Protein backbone atom coordinates (compact mmCIF):
# COMPACT_ATOMS: atom_id res chain seq x y z
CA PRO A 1 0.00 0.00 0.00
CA VAL A 2 1.22 3.46 -0.96
CA PRO A 3 -0.43 6.59 0.48
CA PRO A 4 -1.46 9.11 -2.22
CA ASP A 5 1.10 11.67 -1.09
CA GLU A 6 3.93 9.13 -1.53
CA VAL A 7 3.19 7.89 -5.07
CA ASP A 8 5.83 10.06 -6.75
CA LYS A 9 8.48 8.96 -4.25
CA PHE A 10 7.44 5.31 -4.72
CA PHE A 11 7.85 5.60 -8.51
CA PHE A 12 11.37 6.98 -8.08
CA LYS A 13 12.42 4.24 -5.63
CA ALA A 14 10.74 1.49 -7.68
CA SER A 15 12.54 2.58 -10.84
CA LYS A 16 15.84 1.75 -9.10
CA THR A 17 14.85 -1.72 -7.83
CA MET A 18 11.94 -3.08 -9.89
CA LYS A 19 11.15 -3.99 -13.48
CA GLY A 20 7.57 -2.82 -13.01
CA PHE A 21 4.43 -3.16 -10.92
CA ASN A 22 0.64 -3.13 -10.96
CA VAL A 23 -1.29 -0.03 -9.93
CA THR A 24 -4.65 -0.06 -8.19
CA MET A 25 -7.03 2.48 -6.71
CA PRO A 26 -6.68 5.34 -6.07
CA HIS A 27 -3.42 5.78 -8.01
CA LYS A 28 -4.27 4.98 -11.66
CA TYR A 29 -4.70 8.61 -12.75
CA ARG A 30 -1.50 9.76 -11.03
CA ALA A 31 0.39 6.78 -12.49
CA TYR A 32 -0.74 7.92 -15.93
CA GLU A 33 0.75 11.36 -15.30
CA LEU A 34 4.07 9.93 -14.10
CA CYS A 35 4.69 7.69 -17.11
CA ASP A 36 6.97 8.91 -19.90
CA GLU A 37 5.25 6.76 -22.54
CA LYS A 38 1.73 5.32 -22.52
CA ASP A 39 0.05 2.79 -24.75
CA ASP A 40 -2.83 3.94 -26.95
CA PHE A 41 -5.46 2.50 -24.65
CA ALA A 42 -4.02 4.24 -21.57
CA ASN A 43 -4.14 7.51 -23.53
CA ILE A 44 -7.81 6.96 -24.35
CA CYS A 45 -8.85 6.39 -20.75
CA GLY A 46 -6.22 8.54 -19.03
CA ALA A 47 -5.37 5.83 -16.48
CA VAL A 48 -2.53 3.34 -16.05
CA ASN A 49 -2.65 0.05 -14.15
CA THR A 50 0.63 -1.51 -15.30
CA VAL A 51 4.02 0.21 -15.08
CA VAL A 52 7.21 -1.07 -16.70
CA PHE A 53 10.68 0.44 -16.31
CA ARG A 54 13.11 0.20 -19.24
CA GLN A 55 16.63 1.46 -19.54
CA ILE A 56 17.02 3.33 -22.83
CA GLU A 57 20.27 5.07 -23.72
CA GLY A 58 21.39 5.02 -20.10
CA LYS A 59 18.18 6.53 -18.71
CA ILE A 60 15.20 4.87 -17.04
CA LYS A 61 11.96 5.44 -18.99
CA ILE A 62 8.60 4.70 -17.44
CA PHE A 63 6.05 2.96 -19.67
CA GLY A 64 2.38 2.83 -18.70
CA TYR A 65 -0.29 0.46 -19.87
CA ASN A 66 -3.97 -0.04 -19.13
CA THR A 67 -5.16 -3.63 -19.15
CA ASP A 68 -8.48 -3.04 -17.34
CA GLY A 69 -10.48 -2.36 -20.50
CA PRO A 70 -8.93 -5.06 -22.69
CA GLY A 71 -9.33 -7.53 -19.79
CA LEU A 72 -13.02 -6.68 -19.49
CA MET A 73 -13.54 -7.12 -23.23
CA ARG A 74 -11.75 -10.47 -23.20
CA ALA A 75 -13.92 -11.71 -20.32
CA LEU A 76 -17.07 -10.56 -22.11
CA ARG A 77 -16.02 -12.30 -25.34
CA GLU A 78 -15.25 -15.53 -23.51
CA ARG A 79 -18.21 -15.60 -21.15
CA ALA A 80 -21.00 -13.35 -22.38
CA LYS A 81 -20.46 -13.94 -26.10
CA LYS A 82 -22.54 -10.92 -27.04
CA THR A 83 -22.15 -7.25 -27.82
CA ILE A 84 -23.09 -4.94 -24.97
CA GLY A 85 -25.47 -2.13 -25.91
CA SER A 86 -25.62 -0.40 -22.53
CA ALA A 87 -23.72 -0.61 -19.26
CA LEU A 88 -23.78 0.73 -15.72
CA PHE A 89 -20.48 1.45 -13.96
CA LEU A 90 -20.42 1.77 -10.19
CA GLY A 91 -17.54 4.14 -9.52
CA ALA A 92 -15.64 6.74 -11.56
CA GLY A 93 -11.99 5.94 -10.88
CA GLY A 94 -9.24 4.55 -13.07
CA ALA A 95 -10.69 1.04 -13.34
CA ALA A 96 -14.02 2.45 -14.48
CA ALA A 97 -12.24 4.66 -17.01
CA GLY A 98 -10.52 1.62 -18.53
CA GLY A 99 -13.72 -0.39 -18.76
CA ILE A 100 -15.76 2.50 -20.12
CA ALA A 101 -13.17 3.28 -22.80
CA ALA A 102 -13.12 -0.35 -23.94
CA LEU A 103 -16.90 -0.58 -24.19
CA LEU A 104 -17.18 2.72 -26.01
CA ALA A 105 -14.47 1.62 -28.46
CA SER A 106 -16.53 -1.51 -29.10
CA ARG A 107 -19.53 0.70 -29.93
CA THR A 108 -21.56 0.42 -26.74
CA SER A 109 -24.20 3.06 -27.25
CA ARG A 110 -25.06 4.03 -23.66
CA ILE A 111 -23.00 4.18 -20.48
CA TYR A 112 -24.19 5.17 -17.01
CA ILE A 113 -21.51 6.20 -14.49
CA ALA A 114 -22.78 6.10 -10.90
CA ASN A 115 -20.54 7.64 -8.28
CA ARG A 116 -20.86 8.84 -4.71
CA THR A 117 -19.39 12.18 -5.83
CA LEU A 118 -21.51 13.24 -8.80
CA LYS A 119 -18.92 15.79 -9.98
CA LYS A 120 -16.32 13.06 -10.44
CA ALA A 121 -18.80 11.00 -12.50
CA GLU A 122 -19.69 14.10 -14.56
CA ASP A 123 -16.02 14.88 -15.23
CA LEU A 124 -15.35 11.32 -16.40
CA ALA A 125 -18.49 11.30 -18.55
CA GLU A 126 -17.53 14.61 -20.16
CA SER A 127 -14.01 13.42 -20.95
CA PHE A 128 -15.49 10.45 -22.84
CA ARG A 129 -18.19 12.51 -24.55
CA ARG A 130 -15.41 14.49 -26.26
CA LYS A 131 -13.81 11.28 -27.58
CA PHE A 132 -16.91 9.19 -28.36
CA LYS A 133 -19.48 11.53 -29.81
CA THR A 134 -21.95 8.87 -30.99
CA SER A 135 -22.53 7.27 -27.57
CA GLU A 136 -24.63 8.56 -24.69
CA ILE A 137 -22.63 8.83 -21.47
CA MET A 138 -24.55 9.84 -18.36
CA ALA A 139 -23.39 10.61 -14.85
CA ILE A 140 -25.69 9.64 -11.98
CA GLU A 141 -25.39 9.57 -8.22
CA LEU A 142 -24.64 6.30 -6.48
CA LYS A 143 -28.16 6.24 -5.05
CA ARG A 144 -30.77 3.50 -5.18
CA GLU A 145 -33.37 5.38 -7.25
CA GLN A 146 -30.92 6.44 -9.95
CA ILE A 147 -29.26 3.03 -10.13
CA LEU A 148 -32.66 1.31 -10.41
CA GLU A 149 -33.54 3.58 -13.32
CA ALA A 150 -30.26 2.77 -15.10
CA LEU A 151 -30.78 -0.97 -14.40
CA LYS A 152 -33.94 -0.91 -16.50
CA GLU A 153 -31.72 -0.61 -19.55
CA ALA A 154 -28.19 -1.71 -18.61
CA GLU A 155 -27.18 -5.14 -19.87
CA LEU A 156 -23.89 -5.07 -17.97
CA VAL A 157 -23.12 -3.86 -14.44
CA VAL A 158 -19.45 -3.27 -13.60
CA ASN A 159 -18.48 -2.73 -9.98
CA CYS A 160 -15.45 -0.45 -9.58
CA ILE A 161 -15.99 0.59 -5.96
CA PRO A 162 -14.54 -1.02 -2.82
CA ASP A 163 -16.25 -4.08 -1.38
CA GLU A 164 -17.94 -2.24 1.47
CA GLY A 165 -19.58 0.24 -0.91
CA ALA A 166 -20.75 -2.51 -3.25
CA ALA A 167 -22.15 -4.52 -0.33
CA SER A 168 -24.49 -1.64 0.52
CA LEU A 169 -26.08 -1.98 -2.93
CA GLU A 170 -26.33 -5.75 -2.95
CA ASP A 171 -29.92 -6.09 -1.74
CA PHE A 172 -31.50 -4.35 -4.73
CA LEU A 173 -28.84 -5.18 -7.34
CA VAL A 174 -29.47 -8.89 -6.83
CA GLU A 175 -33.23 -8.51 -7.13
CA ASP A 176 -33.48 -5.78 -9.77
CA GLY A 177 -30.37 -6.84 -11.67
CA LYS A 178 -31.69 -10.21 -12.78
CA ASP A 179 -30.73 -11.15 -16.33
CA ARG A 180 -27.79 -8.71 -16.25
CA ILE A 181 -24.13 -9.53 -16.66
CA PHE A 182 -22.13 -8.56 -13.58
CA CYS A 183 -18.40 -7.88 -13.48
CA ASP A 184 -16.44 -6.96 -10.37
CA PHE A 185 -13.23 -4.94 -10.80
CA SER A 186 -12.92 -4.53 -7.05
CA TYR A 187 -10.97 -6.87 -4.84
CA GLY A 188 -10.18 -6.83 -1.20
CA GLU A 189 -7.82 -8.50 1.22
CA LYS A 190 -10.52 -10.81 2.57
CA PRO A 191 -11.10 -14.11 0.74
């Protein structure tokens, strides 16, 4: 675990002793900023979850990749075997950005982004509206009524919030989310 105010220092120390590492919440946006080079997908979503250090011409260069979105698409191809027309994301952090970018690139026509802080969801939605003009991207609050409304249409629900936040939604997601595909990007220390 790395506190947010120590991410830059961690990158510097890691570049001296590691070949790379995985990045998780809440550091994916800052990791993106700290990388010298990013893959195309990381540039689309503005978040990095995989960092690789390479020595080039005597200097360490930091390469950033985002595998969240491609991983989601692979899982959907293997398990769902269908194109997703609409999706609901719970959370507006780096994992959500990766998943949203991948779905929009695959021509998903409507995305709902539900977040506890509506402004964060609106900012993420607006950043994707500029890049994907043919899809509808809506920000909603992480509240029962708004999620239930989005569930009427969403074929896929992607959890990108910590376990304790997702657990508070479980009672109605299980009942009202029948016949939906669920994906959980969150993981905790408990088995």
